[in-house]
Amino acid sequence: MRWNLKPAANESCLNVRNFSNRQALSAATLLRTAAVATVLAAVGCGAGSSHGTREPISGSVTVDGQPLERGYLVFEPKAGQATQSGGIISAGTFSVPAEKGADPGAYSVAIFAEAKLPTTTAEAGTPEYEQAMAADKGGQVMIPEKYNVKTELTAEVKTGGENTFVFDLSTK
């Protein structure tokens, strides 16, 4: 089958009317197939990580020796991992299951806490959560910048390891 892909002499671009019905049907099928393949590839890329299996992460956070009542932390990749991870801190502990965990590798860790957490169903560390944080101003920031926006904290997530981290923070 040959497709007439040349524009007519008086046209500057292709005209669908130049295709026969069979050619148009084949072209439409090809486009639908390409669209479905693109969507499936995008979903497949987003569903998992490119560097392997995510690992569960857990641990504790204290501030001046006391458990951090509530807040959240973000594991930001330092070694080219495909994903970031994070979770809610409650009563000084956090636990992130493997399906939302971190790829093995080095991370910068940022810990945030305010007197008032945002009212949102978005996961900590997502742009939606950050927007909710900005919209719900009014809480007093309880964690110094050196533990969040200018973090000095790091963690190494290991394959098959325990991946339990202890973060002892100081406001002094």
Protein backbone atom coordinates (compact mmCIF):
# COMPACT_ATOMS: atom_id res chain seq x y z
CA MET A 1 0.00 0.00 0.00
CA ARG A 2 1.35 3.43 -0.93
CA TRP A 3 0.29 6.52 0.92
CA ASN A 4 -0.09 9.79 -0.86
CA LEU A 5 2.01 11.91 1.51
CA LYS A 6 2.79 14.76 -0.88
CA PRO A 7 0.76 17.96 -0.69
CA ALA A 8 -1.19 18.98 -3.73
CA ALA A 9 0.50 21.54 -5.96
CA ASN A 10 -1.60 24.41 -4.59
CA GLU A 11 -1.30 23.37 -0.91
CA SER A 12 1.52 24.10 1.55
CA CYS A 13 0.81 21.18 3.88
CA LEU A 14 -0.70 17.71 3.81
CA ASN A 15 -4.42 17.53 3.41
CA VAL A 16 -6.24 14.59 4.96
CA ARG A 17 -8.62 14.62 2.01
CA ASN A 18 -5.70 13.38 -0.13
CA PHE A 19 -5.80 10.03 1.72
CA SER A 20 -8.14 7.28 0.65
CA ASN A 21 -10.52 5.95 3.34
CA ARG A 22 -8.32 2.87 3.81
CA GLN A 23 -5.20 5.04 4.17
CA ALA A 24 -6.97 7.34 6.65
CA LEU A 25 -8.12 4.36 8.70
CA SER A 26 -4.61 2.91 8.71
CA ALA A 27 -3.13 6.28 9.68
CA ALA A 28 -5.68 6.68 12.48
CA THR A 29 -4.90 3.17 13.76
CA LEU A 30 -1.18 3.91 13.64
CA LEU A 31 -1.67 7.16 15.57
CA ARG A 32 -3.85 5.45 18.20
CA THR A 33 -1.30 2.67 18.60
CA ALA A 34 1.52 5.21 18.98
CA ALA A 35 -0.50 7.18 21.55
CA VAL A 36 -1.27 4.06 23.61
CA ALA A 37 2.40 2.97 23.46
CA THR A 38 3.50 6.43 24.63
CA VAL A 39 1.07 6.40 27.57
CA LEU A 40 2.10 2.88 28.58
CA ALA A 41 5.78 3.82 28.41
CA ALA A 42 5.18 6.91 30.56
CA VAL A 43 3.20 4.95 33.13
CA GLY A 44 5.82 2.23 33.16
CA CYS A 45 8.60 4.75 33.74
CA GLY A 46 6.78 6.41 36.60
CA ALA A 47 5.64 3.27 38.36
CA GLY A 48 9.04 2.09 39.48
CA SER A 49 12.53 3.38 39.77
CA SER A 50 15.23 3.10 37.17
CA HIS A 51 17.91 2.01 39.62
CA GLY A 52 16.21 -0.97 41.22
CA THR A 53 13.95 -1.75 44.11
CA ARG A 54 12.92 0.91 46.58
CA GLU A 55 13.87 0.24 50.19
CA PRO A 56 11.76 0.97 53.28
CA ILE A 57 13.15 3.70 55.53
CA SER A 58 12.38 4.43 59.15
CA GLY A 59 13.84 6.07 62.20
CA SER A 60 13.55 8.73 64.83
CA VAL A 61 13.89 12.49 65.10
CA THR A 62 14.64 14.38 68.29
CA VAL A 63 15.05 18.12 68.85
CA ASP A 64 17.17 19.11 71.85
CA GLY A 65 16.78 15.56 73.16
CA GLN A 66 12.98 15.49 72.88
CA PRO A 67 11.02 13.53 70.23
CA LEU A 68 9.76 15.80 67.45
CA GLU A 69 6.00 15.76 67.99
CA ARG A 70 5.06 16.26 64.34
CA GLY A 71 6.69 17.21 61.08
CA TYR A 72 7.94 15.63 57.89
CA LEU A 73 11.21 14.71 56.24
CA VAL A 74 12.39 14.48 52.65
CA PHE A 75 15.18 12.26 51.30
CA GLU A 76 16.58 14.17 48.30
CA PRO A 77 18.84 12.12 45.95
CA LYS A 78 22.56 13.04 45.89
CA ALA A 79 23.82 10.17 43.73
CA GLY A 80 21.55 10.25 40.66
CA GLN A 81 18.71 8.12 42.03
CA ALA A 82 15.47 8.49 40.11
CA THR A 83 13.25 9.22 43.09
CA GLN A 84 13.03 11.20 46.25
CA SER A 85 11.19 9.89 49.28
CA GLY A 86 9.90 11.13 52.56
CA GLY A 87 7.26 10.80 55.18
CA ILE A 88 5.44 12.16 58.17
CA ILE A 89 7.12 12.34 61.57
CA SER A 90 4.77 11.63 64.45
CA ALA A 91 5.78 11.36 68.11
CA GLY A 92 9.44 11.37 67.08
CA THR A 93 9.30 8.48 64.60
CA PHE A 94 8.82 7.95 60.88
CA SER A 95 8.26 4.88 58.77
CA VAL A 96 8.08 4.78 54.97
CA PRO A 97 7.12 1.45 53.35
CA ALA A 98 9.13 0.03 50.45
CA GLU A 99 6.59 1.06 47.78
CA LYS A 100 7.14 4.70 48.76
CA GLY A 101 10.68 4.26 50.01
CA ALA A 102 14.02 5.30 48.57
CA ASP A 103 16.31 3.79 45.95
CA PRO A 104 19.68 2.70 47.39
CA GLY A 105 22.23 5.50 47.46
CA ALA A 106 23.24 8.75 49.14
CA TYR A 107 20.65 11.35 50.14
CA SER A 108 20.43 14.80 51.65
CA VAL A 109 17.77 14.75 54.33
CA ALA A 110 15.60 17.76 55.10
CA ILE A 111 13.40 17.86 58.19
CA PHE A 112 10.55 20.32 58.56
CA ALA A 113 8.23 21.04 61.47
CA GLU A 114 5.78 23.77 62.25
CA ALA A 115 3.43 24.20 65.14
CA LYS A 116 0.62 23.63 62.66
CA LEU A 117 0.78 21.04 59.85
CA PRO A 118 -1.09 21.80 56.63
CA THR A 119 -4.52 20.39 56.05
CA THR A 120 -3.94 18.29 52.94
CA THR A 121 -4.03 14.71 51.79
CA ALA A 122 -0.89 15.22 49.67
CA GLU A 123 2.23 13.24 50.55
CA ALA A 124 5.05 15.04 52.36
CA GLY A 125 7.77 16.18 49.99
CA THR A 126 5.45 16.62 46.98
CA PRO A 127 4.85 20.00 45.31
CA GLU A 128 1.20 19.78 46.44
CA TYR A 129 2.31 19.40 50.07
CA GLU A 130 4.70 22.35 49.74
CA GLN A 131 1.85 24.47 48.33
CA ALA A 132 -0.36 23.47 51.25
CA MET A 133 2.47 24.39 53.65
CA ALA A 134 2.73 27.84 52.05
CA ALA A 135 -1.05 28.33 52.14
CA ASP A 136 -1.35 27.27 55.81
CA LYS A 137 1.06 29.86 57.20
CA GLY A 138 0.90 30.71 60.83
CA GLY A 139 2.83 27.91 62.45
CA GLN A 140 6.10 28.75 64.14
CA VAL A 141 9.07 27.12 62.43
CA MET A 142 10.66 24.83 64.98
CA ILE A 143 13.62 23.40 63.03
CA PRO A 144 16.72 25.47 62.12
CA GLU A 145 17.51 25.92 58.40
CA LYS A 146 20.65 23.77 58.70
CA TYR A 147 18.29 20.78 58.94
CA ASN A 148 15.97 21.70 56.04
CA VAL A 149 16.41 24.44 53.42
CA LYS A 150 20.20 24.48 54.02
CA THR A 151 20.42 20.90 55.26
CA GLU A 152 23.63 19.36 56.51
CA LEU A 153 21.93 16.00 57.13
CA THR A 154 22.74 12.97 54.98
CA ALA A 155 21.75 9.32 54.84
CA GLU A 156 22.92 6.28 52.90
CA VAL A 157 20.11 3.90 51.90
CA LYS A 158 21.41 0.35 51.45
CA THR A 159 19.98 -2.53 49.44
CA GLY A 160 18.38 -5.03 51.78
CA GLY A 161 19.68 -3.10 54.79
CA GLU A 162 17.80 -2.07 57.90
CA ASN A 163 17.76 1.59 56.73
CA THR A 164 16.86 2.94 60.16
CA PHE A 165 18.11 6.48 60.72
CA VAL A 166 18.41 8.54 63.89
CA PHE A 167 18.40 12.32 63.52
CA ASP A 168 19.32 14.22 66.71
CA LEU A 169 18.74 17.92 66.03
CA SER A 170 19.70 20.92 68.13
CA THR A 171 18.23 24.42 68.17
CA LYS A 172 21.25 25.76 70.12
